[in-house]
Amino acid sequence: NTQHNWKQVVNGPAVTAVSGTITMPSVTAGSYRVEWWDPYATTNPIILTQTVVSNGTLVLSLPSALASDLGIKIFRIQ
């Protein structure tokens, strides 16, 4: 979320949550394991683990509306 920056977090106004998708072109066809991480969580930082398939493009939907930062790990499994 581009609105989530140190100045806005400190001075306001509150960051508006956004939804959407991430599209990654030129990804080798196959299955991928995707882990969404909450970098602020001290316990259980993984929000969601899913398997997605690429046919040359990998399209990922955000697991929830995003008001702050979110990390992602992508592993090719096939």
C-alpha atoms as a PDB file:
ATOM      1  CA  ASN A   1       0.000   0.000   0.000  1.00  0.00           C
ATOM      2  CA  THR A   2       1.770   3.144  -1.186  1.00  0.00           C
ATOM      3  CA  GLN A   3      -0.044   5.244   1.423  1.00  0.00           C
ATOM      4  CA  HIS A   4       1.610   3.259   4.227  1.00  0.00           C
ATOM      5  CA  ASN A   5       4.737   5.331   4.863  1.00  0.00           C
ATOM      6  CA  TRP A   6       6.370   6.601   8.036  1.00  0.00           C
ATOM      7  CA  LYS A   7       5.071  10.177   7.679  1.00  0.00           C
ATOM      8  CA  GLN A   8       1.434   9.178   7.166  1.00  0.00           C
ATOM      9  CA  VAL A   9       1.556   6.570   9.918  1.00  0.00           C
ATOM     10  CA  VAL A  10       2.935   9.148  12.378  1.00  0.00           C
ATOM     11  CA  ASN A  11       1.006  12.257  11.281  1.00  0.00           C
ATOM     12  CA  GLY A  12      -2.159  10.744   9.747  1.00  0.00           C
ATOM     13  CA  PRO A  13      -4.655  10.587   8.298  1.00  0.00           C
ATOM     14  CA  ALA A  14      -5.262   6.864   8.707  1.00  0.00           C
ATOM     15  CA  VAL A  15      -4.131   4.689   5.814  1.00  0.00           C
ATOM     16  CA  THR A  16      -6.991   3.436   3.630  1.00  0.00           C
ATOM     17  CA  ALA A  17      -6.874  -0.326   2.995  1.00  0.00           C
ATOM     18  CA  VAL A  18      -6.632  -1.452  -0.642  1.00  0.00           C
ATOM     19  CA  SER A  19      -7.453  -4.726  -2.391  1.00  0.00           C
ATOM     20  CA  GLY A  20      -6.069  -6.001  -5.646  1.00  0.00           C
ATOM     21  CA  THR A  21      -3.907  -8.439  -7.529  1.00  0.00           C
ATOM     22  CA  ILE A  22      -0.240  -8.762  -8.357  1.00  0.00           C
ATOM     23  CA  THR A  23       0.545  -9.910 -11.913  1.00  0.00           C
ATOM     24  CA  MET A  24       3.999 -11.300 -12.654  1.00  0.00           C
ATOM     25  CA  PRO A  25       4.689 -11.860 -16.371  1.00  0.00           C
ATOM     26  CA  SER A  26       7.303 -14.244 -17.821  1.00  0.00           C
ATOM     27  CA  VAL A  27       7.034 -16.797 -15.012  1.00  0.00           C
ATOM     28  CA  THR A  28       7.957 -20.379 -15.905  1.00  0.00           C
ATOM     29  CA  ALA A  29       4.868 -22.576 -16.227  1.00  0.00           C
ATOM     30  CA  GLY A  30       4.262 -24.780 -13.206  1.00  0.00           C
ATOM     31  CA  SER A  31       2.912 -24.850  -9.674  1.00  0.00           C
ATOM     32  CA  TYR A  32       4.097 -22.412  -7.041  1.00  0.00           C
ATOM     33  CA  ARG A  33       3.754 -22.292  -3.276  1.00  0.00           C
ATOM     34  CA  VAL A  34       2.942 -18.776  -2.111  1.00  0.00           C
ATOM     35  CA  GLU A  35       3.328 -17.663   1.506  1.00  0.00           C
ATOM     36  CA  TRP A  36       1.932 -14.307   2.623  1.00  0.00           C
ATOM     37  CA  TRP A  37       3.748 -12.923   5.682  1.00  0.00           C
ATOM     38  CA  ASP A  38       2.810 -10.279   8.259  1.00  0.00           C
ATOM     39  CA  PRO A  39       6.162  -8.608   9.051  1.00  0.00           C
ATOM     40  CA  TYR A  40       4.754  -7.125  12.268  1.00  0.00           C
ATOM     41  CA  ALA A  41       3.626 -10.425  13.809  1.00  0.00           C
ATOM     42  CA  THR A  42       5.977 -11.816  16.435  1.00  0.00           C
ATOM     43  CA  THR A  43       4.210 -15.180  16.498  1.00  0.00           C
ATOM     44  CA  ASN A  44       2.568 -16.991  13.593  1.00  0.00           C
ATOM     45  CA  PRO A  45       3.675 -14.516  10.919  1.00  0.00           C
ATOM     46  CA  ILE A  46       2.259 -16.571   8.014  1.00  0.00           C
ATOM     47  CA  ILE A  47      -1.169 -15.286   7.012  1.00  0.00           C
ATOM     48  CA  LEU A  48      -1.880 -17.697   4.158  1.00  0.00           C
ATOM     49  CA  THR A  49      -0.159 -20.481   2.228  1.00  0.00           C
ATOM     50  CA  GLN A  50      -1.588 -21.358  -1.161  1.00  0.00           C
ATOM     51  CA  THR A  51      -0.660 -23.163  -4.365  1.00  0.00           C
ATOM     52  CA  VAL A  52      -1.055 -21.291  -7.635  1.00  0.00           C
ATOM     53  CA  VAL A  53      -0.410 -22.358 -11.214  1.00  0.00           C
ATOM     54  CA  SER A  54       1.415 -20.292 -13.815  1.00  0.00           C
ATOM     55  CA  ASN A  55       0.887 -20.610 -17.553  1.00  0.00           C
ATOM     56  CA  GLY A  56       3.525 -17.959 -18.207  1.00  0.00           C
ATOM     57  CA  THR A  57       1.942 -15.345 -15.953  1.00  0.00           C
ATOM     58  CA  LEU A  58       1.483 -15.609 -12.212  1.00  0.00           C
ATOM     59  CA  VAL A  59      -1.567 -13.744 -10.871  1.00  0.00           C
ATOM     60  CA  LEU A  60      -1.881 -13.408  -7.106  1.00  0.00           C
ATOM     61  CA  SER A  61      -4.829 -11.894  -5.252  1.00  0.00           C
ATOM     62  CA  LEU A  62      -4.050 -10.128  -1.988  1.00  0.00           C
ATOM     63  CA  PRO A  63      -5.279 -12.325   0.885  1.00  0.00           C
ATOM     64  CA  SER A  64      -7.102  -9.373   2.482  1.00  0.00           C
ATOM     65  CA  ALA A  65      -7.433  -5.615   2.156  1.00  0.00           C
ATOM     66  CA  LEU A  66      -3.987  -4.169   2.768  1.00  0.00           C
ATOM     67  CA  ALA A  67      -3.461  -1.158   5.041  1.00  0.00           C
ATOM     68  CA  SER A  68       0.195  -1.764   5.940  1.00  0.00           C
ATOM     69  CA  ASP A  69       3.097  -3.903   4.753  1.00  0.00           C
ATOM     70  CA  LEU A  70       2.925  -7.500   3.643  1.00  0.00           C
ATOM     71  CA  GLY A  71       5.706  -9.905   2.747  1.00  0.00           C
ATOM     72  CA  ILE A  72       5.519 -12.702   0.208  1.00  0.00           C
ATOM     73  CA  LYS A  73       7.607 -15.793  -0.541  1.00  0.00           C
ATOM     74  CA  ILE A  74       7.128 -17.717  -3.784  1.00  0.00           C
ATOM     75  CA  PHE A  75       8.591 -21.204  -4.309  1.00  0.00           C
ATOM     76  CA  ARG A  76       8.323 -23.282  -7.487  1.00  0.00           C
ATOM     77  CA  ILE A  77       7.140 -26.778  -6.518  1.00  0.00           C
ATOM     78  CA  GLN A  78       6.723 -28.317 -10.015  1.00  0.00           C
END
